[in-house]
N, C-alpha and C. Protein backbone atom coordinates (compact mmCIF):
# COMPACT_ATOMS: atom_id res chain seq x y z
N MET A 1 -37.60 -58.12 18.34
CA MET A 1 -37.02 -59.05 17.41
C MET A 1 -37.78 -60.36 17.39
N ALA A 2 -38.25 -60.77 18.55
CA ALA A 2 -38.98 -62.03 18.61
C ALA A 2 -40.30 -61.97 17.85
N ASP A 3 -40.83 -60.77 17.67
CA ASP A 3 -42.11 -60.61 16.97
C ASP A 3 -41.98 -60.53 15.46
N ALA A 4 -40.77 -60.47 14.92
CA ALA A 4 -40.58 -60.31 13.47
C ALA A 4 -41.33 -61.36 12.66
N PRO A 5 -41.26 -62.66 12.98
CA PRO A 5 -42.00 -63.64 12.19
C PRO A 5 -43.52 -63.40 12.22
N ARG A 6 -44.03 -63.00 13.37
CA ARG A 6 -45.48 -62.74 13.48
C ARG A 6 -45.89 -61.55 12.62
N TYR A 7 -45.06 -60.49 12.62
CA TYR A 7 -45.37 -59.32 11.79
C TYR A 7 -45.33 -59.69 10.30
N ILE A 8 -44.35 -60.46 9.92
CA ILE A 8 -44.24 -60.87 8.51
C ILE A 8 -45.42 -61.75 8.12
N GLN A 9 -45.82 -62.65 9.01
CA GLN A 9 -46.99 -63.49 8.74
C GLN A 9 -48.23 -62.63 8.55
N SER A 10 -48.41 -61.61 9.39
CA SER A 10 -49.59 -60.77 9.28
C SER A 10 -49.54 -59.89 8.02
N ALA A 11 -48.36 -59.68 7.46
CA ALA A 11 -48.22 -58.88 6.24
C ALA A 11 -48.25 -59.73 4.97
N ALA A 12 -48.38 -61.04 5.12
CA ALA A 12 -48.38 -61.94 3.95
C ALA A 12 -49.45 -61.50 2.96
N GLY A 13 -49.09 -61.47 1.69
CA GLY A 13 -50.04 -61.11 0.64
C GLY A 13 -50.16 -59.62 0.38
N THR A 14 -49.50 -58.78 1.17
CA THR A 14 -49.56 -57.34 0.94
C THR A 14 -48.59 -56.96 -0.18
N LYS A 15 -48.78 -55.78 -0.76
CA LYS A 15 -47.93 -55.32 -1.86
C LYS A 15 -46.53 -54.92 -1.38
N ALA A 16 -46.46 -54.36 -0.17
CA ALA A 16 -45.17 -53.85 0.29
C ALA A 16 -45.15 -53.73 1.81
N LEU A 17 -43.93 -53.70 2.32
CA LEU A 17 -43.67 -53.50 3.73
C LEU A 17 -42.90 -52.19 3.84
N ILE A 18 -43.41 -51.24 4.61
CA ILE A 18 -42.73 -49.96 4.80
C ILE A 18 -41.98 -50.02 6.11
N ILE A 19 -40.67 -49.78 6.04
CA ILE A 19 -39.81 -49.77 7.23
C ILE A 19 -39.39 -48.32 7.45
N ASP A 20 -39.87 -47.73 8.52
CA ASP A 20 -39.63 -46.31 8.80
C ASP A 20 -38.45 -46.16 9.75
N LEU A 21 -37.33 -45.67 9.24
CA LEU A 21 -36.12 -45.47 10.04
C LEU A 21 -35.84 -44.00 10.30
N ARG A 22 -36.87 -43.16 10.18
CA ARG A 22 -36.67 -41.71 10.32
C ARG A 22 -36.49 -41.26 11.76
N ALA A 23 -36.84 -42.05 12.72
CA ALA A 23 -36.76 -41.62 14.12
C ALA A 23 -35.36 -41.67 14.68
N GLY A 24 -34.39 -42.15 13.91
CA GLY A 24 -33.04 -42.30 14.43
C GLY A 24 -32.91 -43.57 15.23
N PRO A 25 -31.79 -43.77 15.90
CA PRO A 25 -31.52 -45.05 16.55
C PRO A 25 -32.21 -45.25 17.89
N SER A 26 -32.80 -44.24 18.46
CA SER A 26 -33.38 -44.36 19.80
C SER A 26 -34.46 -45.44 19.85
N GLY A 27 -34.27 -46.41 20.69
CA GLY A 27 -35.28 -47.44 20.92
C GLY A 27 -35.34 -48.50 19.84
N LEU A 28 -34.50 -48.40 18.81
CA LEU A 28 -34.54 -49.36 17.71
C LEU A 28 -33.85 -50.65 18.14
N GLU A 29 -34.59 -51.74 18.09
CA GLU A 29 -33.97 -53.04 18.32
C GLU A 29 -33.10 -53.37 17.13
N PHE A 30 -32.13 -54.21 17.32
CA PHE A 30 -31.21 -54.59 16.25
C PHE A 30 -31.87 -55.67 15.40
N LEU A 31 -32.75 -55.21 14.47
CA LEU A 31 -33.58 -56.10 13.66
C LEU A 31 -32.93 -56.58 12.38
N VAL A 32 -31.74 -56.11 12.07
CA VAL A 32 -31.13 -56.40 10.78
C VAL A 32 -31.23 -57.88 10.42
N PHE A 33 -30.82 -58.74 11.31
CA PHE A 33 -30.75 -60.16 10.97
C PHE A 33 -32.08 -60.87 11.24
N ALA A 34 -32.75 -60.54 12.33
CA ALA A 34 -34.03 -61.19 12.64
C ALA A 34 -35.07 -60.91 11.57
N LEU A 35 -35.18 -59.67 11.12
CA LEU A 35 -36.13 -59.32 10.08
C LEU A 35 -35.55 -59.60 8.69
N GLY A 36 -34.28 -59.29 8.52
CA GLY A 36 -33.65 -59.47 7.22
C GLY A 36 -33.76 -60.89 6.69
N ARG A 37 -33.64 -61.87 7.55
CA ARG A 37 -33.73 -63.27 7.13
C ARG A 37 -35.10 -63.64 6.58
N LEU A 38 -36.09 -62.85 6.90
CA LEU A 38 -37.45 -63.11 6.42
C LEU A 38 -37.74 -62.37 5.11
N LEU A 39 -36.77 -61.59 4.63
CA LEU A 39 -36.96 -60.77 3.43
C LEU A 39 -36.13 -61.25 2.24
N VAL A 40 -35.15 -62.10 2.46
CA VAL A 40 -34.25 -62.53 1.39
C VAL A 40 -34.46 -64.00 1.05
N ASP A 41 -34.01 -64.37 -0.14
CA ASP A 41 -34.09 -65.78 -0.55
C ASP A 41 -32.70 -66.41 -0.67
N ARG A 42 -31.67 -65.61 -0.40
CA ARG A 42 -30.31 -66.13 -0.45
C ARG A 42 -29.41 -65.27 0.43
N ASP A 43 -28.21 -65.74 0.65
CA ASP A 43 -27.19 -65.01 1.37
C ASP A 43 -27.00 -63.65 0.70
N THR A 44 -27.14 -62.55 1.47
CA THR A 44 -27.16 -61.21 0.89
C THR A 44 -26.18 -60.29 1.61
N PRO A 45 -24.99 -60.03 1.02
CA PRO A 45 -24.05 -59.09 1.64
C PRO A 45 -24.58 -57.65 1.54
N PHE A 46 -24.32 -56.85 2.57
CA PHE A 46 -24.81 -55.47 2.54
C PHE A 46 -23.83 -54.43 3.06
N ALA A 47 -22.77 -54.82 3.75
CA ALA A 47 -21.82 -53.84 4.28
C ALA A 47 -20.44 -54.47 4.41
N THR A 48 -19.42 -53.65 4.24
CA THR A 48 -18.06 -54.07 4.52
C THR A 48 -17.38 -52.95 5.31
N PHE A 49 -16.26 -53.27 5.92
CA PHE A 49 -15.65 -52.34 6.87
C PHE A 49 -14.15 -52.20 6.64
N THR A 50 -13.63 -51.05 7.08
CA THR A 50 -12.19 -50.92 7.24
C THR A 50 -11.92 -50.89 8.74
N LEU A 51 -10.82 -51.48 9.11
CA LEU A 51 -10.43 -51.59 10.51
C LEU A 51 -9.04 -51.00 10.69
N GLY A 52 -8.79 -50.44 11.87
CA GLY A 52 -7.47 -49.88 12.15
C GLY A 52 -6.43 -50.98 12.29
N ASP A 53 -5.27 -50.74 11.72
CA ASP A 53 -4.16 -51.69 11.80
C ASP A 53 -3.35 -51.35 13.05
N LEU A 54 -3.49 -52.14 14.09
CA LEU A 54 -2.84 -51.86 15.37
C LEU A 54 -1.32 -51.92 15.27
N SER A 55 -0.79 -52.65 14.28
CA SER A 55 0.67 -52.73 14.13
C SER A 55 1.22 -51.55 13.31
N ASN A 56 0.32 -50.73 12.74
CA ASN A 56 0.74 -49.60 11.92
C ASN A 56 -0.26 -48.45 12.15
N PRO A 57 -0.15 -47.74 13.29
CA PRO A 57 -1.12 -46.69 13.61
C PRO A 57 -1.34 -45.71 12.46
N GLY A 58 -2.61 -45.45 12.16
CA GLY A 58 -2.98 -44.55 11.08
C GLY A 58 -3.32 -45.28 9.79
N ALA A 59 -2.98 -46.57 9.73
CA ALA A 59 -3.29 -47.37 8.54
C ALA A 59 -4.55 -48.19 8.79
N PHE A 60 -5.22 -48.52 7.72
CA PHE A 60 -6.45 -49.30 7.80
C PHE A 60 -6.39 -50.44 6.80
N TYR A 61 -7.19 -51.47 7.06
CA TYR A 61 -7.29 -52.59 6.12
C TYR A 61 -8.75 -52.98 5.99
N TRP A 62 -9.09 -53.62 4.85
CA TRP A 62 -10.46 -54.07 4.60
C TRP A 62 -10.73 -55.34 5.37
N SER A 63 -11.92 -55.43 5.96
CA SER A 63 -12.32 -56.68 6.61
C SER A 63 -12.40 -57.76 5.54
N LYS A 64 -12.17 -58.99 5.96
CA LYS A 64 -12.11 -60.09 5.00
C LYS A 64 -13.48 -60.49 4.45
N THR A 65 -14.51 -60.35 5.26
CA THR A 65 -15.85 -60.76 4.80
C THR A 65 -16.85 -59.66 5.10
N PRO A 66 -17.75 -59.40 4.16
CA PRO A 66 -18.78 -58.38 4.41
C PRO A 66 -19.83 -58.88 5.39
N ASP A 67 -20.53 -57.95 6.05
CA ASP A 67 -21.70 -58.33 6.83
C ASP A 67 -22.77 -58.75 5.85
N ARG A 68 -23.55 -59.75 6.23
CA ARG A 68 -24.54 -60.28 5.32
C ARG A 68 -25.76 -60.77 6.07
N ILE A 69 -26.88 -60.71 5.36
CA ILE A 69 -28.09 -61.37 5.85
C ILE A 69 -27.99 -62.79 5.31
N SER A 70 -27.96 -63.76 6.19
CA SER A 70 -27.79 -65.13 5.73
C SER A 70 -28.89 -66.03 6.28
N ALA A 71 -28.85 -67.25 5.85
CA ALA A 71 -29.79 -68.27 6.30
C ALA A 71 -31.24 -67.81 6.23
N PRO A 72 -31.77 -67.64 5.00
CA PRO A 72 -33.17 -67.23 4.87
C PRO A 72 -34.09 -68.12 5.72
N ARG A 73 -35.09 -67.50 6.30
CA ARG A 73 -36.02 -68.21 7.19
C ARG A 73 -37.45 -68.01 6.73
N GLN A 74 -38.31 -68.79 7.28
CA GLN A 74 -39.75 -68.68 7.02
C GLN A 74 -40.40 -68.05 8.24
N PRO A 75 -41.48 -67.33 8.10
CA PRO A 75 -42.20 -67.07 6.87
C PRO A 75 -41.50 -65.99 6.07
N ARG A 76 -41.36 -66.20 4.78
CA ARG A 76 -40.68 -65.24 3.92
C ARG A 76 -41.69 -64.22 3.38
N TYR A 77 -41.25 -62.95 3.34
CA TYR A 77 -42.09 -61.89 2.81
C TYR A 77 -41.74 -61.69 1.34
N PHE A 78 -42.74 -61.62 0.47
CA PHE A 78 -42.51 -61.53 -0.97
C PHE A 78 -42.84 -60.17 -1.58
N GLY A 79 -43.42 -59.25 -0.82
CA GLY A 79 -43.74 -57.93 -1.35
C GLY A 79 -42.52 -57.04 -1.44
N ARG A 80 -42.72 -55.82 -1.93
CA ARG A 80 -41.64 -54.84 -2.00
C ARG A 80 -41.27 -54.35 -0.61
N ILE A 81 -40.06 -53.86 -0.49
CA ILE A 81 -39.59 -53.25 0.75
C ILE A 81 -39.33 -51.78 0.47
N VAL A 82 -39.98 -50.91 1.24
CA VAL A 82 -39.80 -49.47 1.10
C VAL A 82 -39.25 -48.95 2.43
N ILE A 83 -38.09 -48.31 2.36
CA ILE A 83 -37.40 -47.83 3.56
C ILE A 83 -37.47 -46.31 3.58
N LEU A 84 -37.95 -45.76 4.69
CA LEU A 84 -38.06 -44.31 4.85
C LEU A 84 -36.90 -43.81 5.71
N VAL A 85 -36.20 -42.78 5.23
CA VAL A 85 -35.06 -42.21 5.96
C VAL A 85 -35.10 -40.70 5.88
N ASP A 86 -34.35 -40.06 6.77
CA ASP A 86 -34.14 -38.61 6.72
C ASP A 86 -32.85 -38.28 7.45
N GLU A 87 -32.59 -36.98 7.66
CA GLU A 87 -31.34 -36.57 8.29
C GLU A 87 -31.20 -37.03 9.74
N ALA A 88 -32.29 -37.43 10.39
CA ALA A 88 -32.22 -37.96 11.76
C ALA A 88 -31.86 -39.44 11.77
N THR A 89 -31.88 -40.08 10.63
CA THR A 89 -31.50 -41.49 10.52
C THR A 89 -29.98 -41.56 10.62
N GLN A 90 -29.49 -42.15 11.70
CA GLN A 90 -28.05 -42.22 11.88
C GLN A 90 -27.66 -43.48 12.64
N SER A 91 -26.38 -43.78 12.59
CA SER A 91 -25.81 -44.88 13.35
C SER A 91 -26.46 -46.21 12.98
N THR A 92 -27.00 -46.90 13.96
CA THR A 92 -27.57 -48.22 13.70
C THR A 92 -28.74 -48.17 12.72
N SER A 93 -29.46 -47.05 12.67
CA SER A 93 -30.55 -46.92 11.69
C SER A 93 -30.00 -46.89 10.27
N GLU A 94 -28.83 -46.30 10.07
CA GLU A 94 -28.22 -46.31 8.75
C GLU A 94 -27.77 -47.72 8.37
N TYR A 95 -27.25 -48.44 9.33
CA TYR A 95 -26.84 -49.84 9.10
C TYR A 95 -28.06 -50.67 8.71
N HIS A 96 -29.18 -50.45 9.40
CA HIS A 96 -30.43 -51.14 9.04
C HIS A 96 -30.86 -50.78 7.62
N ALA A 97 -30.77 -49.48 7.27
CA ALA A 97 -31.16 -49.06 5.92
C ALA A 97 -30.29 -49.75 4.87
N MET A 98 -29.00 -49.87 5.13
CA MET A 98 -28.10 -50.56 4.20
C MET A 98 -28.53 -52.01 4.02
N ALA A 99 -28.83 -52.67 5.13
CA ALA A 99 -29.20 -54.09 5.07
C ALA A 99 -30.51 -54.29 4.32
N PHE A 100 -31.53 -53.52 4.68
CA PHE A 100 -32.84 -53.70 4.06
C PHE A 100 -32.82 -53.26 2.59
N ARG A 101 -31.96 -52.31 2.25
CA ARG A 101 -31.84 -51.88 0.86
C ARG A 101 -31.27 -53.00 -0.01
N ALA A 102 -30.51 -53.90 0.57
CA ALA A 102 -29.90 -55.00 -0.18
C ALA A 102 -30.92 -56.07 -0.59
N VAL A 103 -32.13 -55.99 -0.02
CA VAL A 103 -33.19 -56.94 -0.36
C VAL A 103 -33.64 -56.65 -1.80
N PRO A 104 -33.84 -57.68 -2.62
CA PRO A 104 -34.30 -57.43 -4.00
C PRO A 104 -35.58 -56.59 -4.02
N ASN A 105 -35.65 -55.65 -4.93
CA ASN A 105 -36.79 -54.76 -5.13
C ASN A 105 -37.03 -53.77 -4.00
N ALA A 106 -36.03 -53.57 -3.14
CA ALA A 106 -36.16 -52.58 -2.07
C ALA A 106 -35.89 -51.19 -2.63
N ILE A 107 -36.49 -50.19 -2.02
CA ILE A 107 -36.30 -48.80 -2.44
C ILE A 107 -36.22 -47.92 -1.19
N VAL A 108 -35.35 -46.91 -1.22
CA VAL A 108 -35.18 -45.98 -0.11
C VAL A 108 -35.77 -44.64 -0.52
N ILE A 109 -36.63 -44.09 0.33
CA ILE A 109 -37.30 -42.82 0.06
C ILE A 109 -37.07 -41.87 1.23
N GLY A 110 -36.85 -40.60 0.93
CA GLY A 110 -36.68 -39.58 1.97
C GLY A 110 -35.54 -38.66 1.61
N SER A 111 -34.75 -38.29 2.63
CA SER A 111 -33.59 -37.43 2.41
C SER A 111 -32.35 -38.12 2.94
N THR A 112 -31.20 -37.67 2.49
CA THR A 112 -29.93 -38.30 2.84
C THR A 112 -29.75 -38.35 4.35
N THR A 113 -29.28 -39.49 4.83
CA THR A 113 -29.11 -39.70 6.27
C THR A 113 -27.87 -38.97 6.80
N ALA A 114 -27.64 -39.07 8.10
CA ALA A 114 -26.60 -38.30 8.78
C ALA A 114 -25.17 -38.67 8.37
N GLY A 115 -24.95 -39.88 7.89
CA GLY A 115 -23.59 -40.30 7.55
C GLY A 115 -22.74 -40.55 8.78
N ALA A 116 -23.37 -41.06 9.83
CA ALA A 116 -22.69 -41.24 11.11
C ALA A 116 -22.84 -42.67 11.63
N ASP A 117 -22.68 -43.64 10.73
CA ASP A 117 -22.78 -45.03 11.19
C ASP A 117 -21.41 -45.55 11.59
N GLY A 118 -21.41 -46.71 12.18
CA GLY A 118 -20.18 -47.32 12.68
C GLY A 118 -20.24 -47.44 14.19
N ASN A 119 -19.36 -48.26 14.71
CA ASN A 119 -19.35 -48.44 16.16
C ASN A 119 -18.85 -47.16 16.85
N VAL A 120 -18.93 -47.11 18.15
CA VAL A 120 -18.50 -45.94 18.90
C VAL A 120 -17.35 -46.33 19.81
N SER A 121 -16.23 -45.60 19.67
CA SER A 121 -15.05 -45.85 20.50
C SER A 121 -14.76 -44.60 21.31
N PRO A 122 -15.04 -44.65 22.63
CA PRO A 122 -14.76 -43.47 23.46
C PRO A 122 -13.27 -43.39 23.82
N PHE A 123 -12.76 -42.17 24.00
CA PHE A 123 -11.40 -42.01 24.49
C PHE A 123 -11.28 -40.72 25.27
N ALA A 124 -10.27 -40.66 26.13
CA ALA A 124 -10.07 -39.52 27.02
C ALA A 124 -9.16 -38.49 26.36
N LEU A 125 -9.43 -37.23 26.68
CA LEU A 125 -8.60 -36.12 26.24
C LEU A 125 -8.00 -35.44 27.47
N PRO A 126 -6.95 -34.68 27.30
CA PRO A 126 -6.38 -33.95 28.45
C PRO A 126 -7.44 -33.06 29.11
N GLY A 127 -7.30 -32.87 30.39
CA GLY A 127 -8.22 -32.00 31.12
C GLY A 127 -9.47 -32.72 31.58
N GLY A 128 -9.47 -34.04 31.53
CA GLY A 128 -10.63 -34.81 32.00
C GLY A 128 -11.78 -34.86 31.01
N LEU A 129 -11.55 -34.45 29.76
CA LEU A 129 -12.59 -34.49 28.75
C LEU A 129 -12.62 -35.87 28.08
N THR A 130 -13.76 -36.22 27.60
CA THR A 130 -13.88 -37.45 26.81
C THR A 130 -14.65 -37.14 25.53
N THR A 131 -14.38 -37.92 24.54
CA THR A 131 -15.10 -37.83 23.27
C THR A 131 -15.18 -39.23 22.68
N GLN A 132 -15.79 -39.33 21.53
CA GLN A 132 -15.87 -40.64 20.90
C GLN A 132 -15.82 -40.50 19.38
N ILE A 133 -15.31 -41.53 18.75
CA ILE A 133 -15.23 -41.59 17.30
C ILE A 133 -15.71 -42.97 16.86
N SER A 134 -15.97 -43.10 15.58
CA SER A 134 -16.26 -44.42 15.05
C SER A 134 -14.92 -45.13 14.87
N GLY A 135 -14.86 -46.36 15.33
CA GLY A 135 -13.62 -47.13 15.25
C GLY A 135 -13.50 -47.94 13.98
N VAL A 136 -14.51 -47.89 13.11
CA VAL A 136 -14.46 -48.63 11.85
C VAL A 136 -14.98 -47.75 10.72
N GLY A 137 -14.54 -48.02 9.51
CA GLY A 137 -15.10 -47.38 8.34
C GLY A 137 -16.22 -48.26 7.81
N VAL A 138 -17.35 -47.67 7.44
CA VAL A 138 -18.50 -48.43 6.96
C VAL A 138 -18.72 -48.13 5.48
N PHE A 139 -18.82 -49.20 4.69
CA PHE A 139 -18.95 -49.08 3.24
C PHE A 139 -19.97 -50.10 2.74
N TYR A 140 -20.50 -49.84 1.54
CA TYR A 140 -21.29 -50.86 0.86
C TYR A 140 -20.33 -51.96 0.40
N PRO A 141 -20.83 -53.15 0.05
CA PRO A 141 -19.93 -54.22 -0.39
C PRO A 141 -19.03 -53.85 -1.58
N ASP A 142 -19.47 -52.90 -2.41
CA ASP A 142 -18.64 -52.46 -3.54
C ASP A 142 -17.65 -51.36 -3.14
N GLN A 143 -17.54 -51.12 -1.84
CA GLN A 143 -16.60 -50.18 -1.22
C GLN A 143 -16.97 -48.71 -1.39
N ARG A 144 -18.23 -48.42 -1.75
CA ARG A 144 -18.70 -47.04 -1.72
C ARG A 144 -18.88 -46.63 -0.27
N PRO A 145 -18.44 -45.43 0.13
CA PRO A 145 -18.53 -45.02 1.54
C PRO A 145 -19.94 -44.63 1.96
N THR A 146 -20.19 -44.73 3.25
CA THR A 146 -21.44 -44.25 3.84
C THR A 146 -21.16 -43.17 4.88
N GLN A 147 -20.04 -43.28 5.58
CA GLN A 147 -19.73 -42.28 6.60
C GLN A 147 -19.42 -40.94 5.93
N ARG A 148 -19.96 -39.87 6.49
CA ARG A 148 -19.84 -38.50 5.98
C ARG A 148 -20.58 -38.31 4.66
N VAL A 149 -21.13 -39.40 4.09
CA VAL A 149 -21.91 -39.33 2.85
C VAL A 149 -23.38 -39.56 3.16
N GLY A 150 -23.66 -40.54 4.02
CA GLY A 150 -25.02 -40.91 4.36
C GLY A 150 -25.58 -41.94 3.40
N ILE A 151 -26.76 -42.41 3.71
CA ILE A 151 -27.48 -43.31 2.83
C ILE A 151 -28.30 -42.39 1.91
N VAL A 152 -27.95 -42.39 0.65
CA VAL A 152 -28.61 -41.52 -0.32
C VAL A 152 -29.86 -42.24 -0.84
N PRO A 153 -31.03 -41.60 -0.73
CA PRO A 153 -32.27 -42.27 -1.14
C PRO A 153 -32.36 -42.47 -2.65
N ASP A 154 -33.14 -43.46 -3.04
CA ASP A 154 -33.45 -43.67 -4.45
C ASP A 154 -34.41 -42.60 -4.94
N ILE A 155 -35.33 -42.21 -4.06
CA ILE A 155 -36.28 -41.13 -4.36
C ILE A 155 -36.16 -40.10 -3.24
N THR A 156 -35.75 -38.89 -3.60
CA THR A 156 -35.61 -37.84 -2.60
C THR A 156 -36.96 -37.16 -2.38
N MET A 157 -37.37 -37.08 -1.13
CA MET A 157 -38.59 -36.38 -0.75
C MET A 157 -38.37 -35.79 0.64
N ARG A 158 -38.57 -34.50 0.74
CA ARG A 158 -38.46 -33.80 2.03
C ARG A 158 -39.80 -33.19 2.35
N PRO A 159 -40.15 -33.14 3.63
CA PRO A 159 -41.39 -32.46 4.01
C PRO A 159 -41.35 -31.00 3.58
N THR A 160 -42.48 -30.49 3.18
CA THR A 160 -42.59 -29.07 2.81
C THR A 160 -43.28 -28.31 3.94
N VAL A 161 -43.13 -27.02 3.94
CA VAL A 161 -43.80 -26.19 4.94
C VAL A 161 -45.32 -26.39 4.85
N ALA A 162 -45.84 -26.41 3.62
CA ALA A 162 -47.29 -26.60 3.44
C ALA A 162 -47.73 -27.95 3.97
N GLY A 163 -46.94 -29.00 3.71
CA GLY A 163 -47.29 -30.33 4.21
C GLY A 163 -47.27 -30.40 5.72
N ILE A 164 -46.26 -29.79 6.33
CA ILE A 164 -46.18 -29.77 7.80
C ILE A 164 -47.36 -29.00 8.37
N ARG A 165 -47.68 -27.87 7.76
CA ARG A 165 -48.82 -27.05 8.20
C ARG A 165 -50.12 -27.86 8.15
N ASP A 166 -50.25 -28.69 7.10
CA ASP A 166 -51.46 -29.52 6.94
C ASP A 166 -51.38 -30.85 7.70
N GLN A 167 -50.30 -31.03 8.47
CA GLN A 167 -50.08 -32.25 9.26
C GLN A 167 -50.07 -33.51 8.38
N ARG A 168 -49.39 -33.36 7.23
CA ARG A 168 -49.26 -34.48 6.30
C ARG A 168 -47.86 -35.07 6.40
N ASP A 169 -47.74 -36.35 6.14
CA ASP A 169 -46.46 -37.03 6.08
C ASP A 169 -46.15 -37.27 4.60
N GLU A 170 -45.52 -36.30 3.97
CA GLU A 170 -45.28 -36.36 2.53
C GLU A 170 -44.31 -37.46 2.12
N VAL A 171 -43.41 -37.83 3.02
CA VAL A 171 -42.48 -38.93 2.73
C VAL A 171 -43.27 -40.24 2.67
N LEU A 172 -44.13 -40.46 3.65
CA LEU A 172 -44.97 -41.66 3.64
C LEU A 172 -45.93 -41.65 2.45
N GLU A 173 -46.46 -40.49 2.11
CA GLU A 173 -47.33 -40.38 0.94
C GLU A 173 -46.58 -40.80 -0.33
N THR A 174 -45.32 -40.39 -0.44
CA THR A 174 -44.51 -40.77 -1.60
C THR A 174 -44.31 -42.28 -1.64
N ALA A 175 -44.07 -42.88 -0.47
CA ALA A 175 -43.92 -44.34 -0.40
C ALA A 175 -45.20 -45.03 -0.84
N LEU A 176 -46.32 -44.56 -0.35
CA LEU A 176 -47.60 -45.17 -0.73
C LEU A 176 -47.88 -45.03 -2.22
N ARG A 177 -47.50 -43.89 -2.79
CA ARG A 177 -47.67 -43.68 -4.23
C ARG A 177 -46.83 -44.70 -5.01
N GLN A 178 -45.61 -44.95 -4.56
CA GLN A 178 -44.74 -45.93 -5.21
C GLN A 178 -45.34 -47.34 -5.14
N ILE A 179 -45.98 -47.64 -4.03
CA ILE A 179 -46.55 -48.97 -3.83
C ILE A 179 -47.86 -49.14 -4.60
N LEU A 180 -48.74 -48.16 -4.49
CA LEU A 180 -50.10 -48.29 -5.02
C LEU A 180 -50.25 -47.86 -6.47
N GLY A 181 -49.28 -47.07 -6.97
CA GLY A 181 -49.31 -46.68 -8.37
C GLY A 181 -49.99 -45.35 -8.62
N PRO A 182 -49.92 -44.87 -9.86
CA PRO A 182 -50.40 -43.53 -10.20
C PRO A 182 -51.92 -43.40 -10.27
N ASP A 183 -52.64 -44.51 -10.33
CA ASP A 183 -54.09 -44.42 -10.51
C ASP A 183 -54.87 -44.22 -9.21
N VAL A 184 -54.22 -44.37 -8.07
CA VAL A 184 -54.90 -44.20 -6.79
C VAL A 184 -55.05 -42.69 -6.53
N PRO A 185 -56.25 -42.24 -6.20
CA PRO A 185 -56.46 -40.80 -5.99
C PRO A 185 -55.62 -40.25 -4.83
N VAL A 186 -55.23 -38.99 -4.97
CA VAL A 186 -54.44 -38.30 -3.94
C VAL A 186 -55.15 -38.36 -2.60
N THR A 187 -56.46 -38.20 -2.59
CA THR A 187 -57.22 -38.23 -1.33
C THR A 187 -57.05 -39.55 -0.61
N ARG A 188 -57.01 -40.66 -1.37
CA ARG A 188 -56.83 -41.99 -0.76
C ARG A 188 -55.42 -42.13 -0.19
N ILE A 189 -54.43 -41.66 -0.94
CA ILE A 189 -53.03 -41.70 -0.45
C ILE A 189 -52.92 -40.92 0.85
N ARG A 190 -53.49 -39.71 0.89
CA ARG A 190 -53.39 -38.88 2.09
C ARG A 190 -54.13 -39.51 3.25
N GLU A 191 -55.24 -40.15 2.98
CA GLU A 191 -56.01 -40.83 4.03
C GLU A 191 -55.19 -41.98 4.62
N LEU A 192 -54.52 -42.77 3.78
CA LEU A 192 -53.72 -43.89 4.25
C LEU A 192 -52.50 -43.42 5.04
N ALA A 193 -51.97 -42.24 4.71
CA ALA A 193 -50.75 -41.73 5.36
C ALA A 193 -51.02 -41.02 6.67
N LYS A 194 -52.28 -40.82 7.04
CA LYS A 194 -52.57 -40.13 8.31
C LYS A 194 -52.20 -41.02 9.49
N PRO A 195 -51.69 -40.39 10.55
CA PRO A 195 -51.32 -41.17 11.75
C PRO A 195 -52.53 -41.78 12.44
């Protein structure tokens, strides 16, 4: 998180920033606010929640204020934001995708995410078993659901058998095509997408 301003400074003047959330939540720092503040020019709501009503078990109520990226900071990034997701994108990675998607001119590419965001509330079951559930409902600010639905991409792209066989990252290639435009040769796109 501390490196976010340095990364944005080094990306100054580029056409786009690609944020790859396909690896799932493992090892992901909570960059929503540290990076998000460098991508927006105003207060930007991106998620709202339902919470359990403790005085009426089984009932829920809407949180009063949505989560938002606030207090824009410098250095500000002015290029496009392209977010890569797939079915392994879940939990905090989905929350990140929601936040970064709220940035003007952002686009999500890949396949629908797991639909498993929200906090984790563990509880005990008879017989010494334990399990966990999400203790909150997660929605976009307009109250569209994300849990059990996932983050639906703007452009759907899934790896193909041929692409995997050729060791190509077709999702990244699609992102590069969106950024660089139709006139860039396929060979150049594939070269840029190689690990």
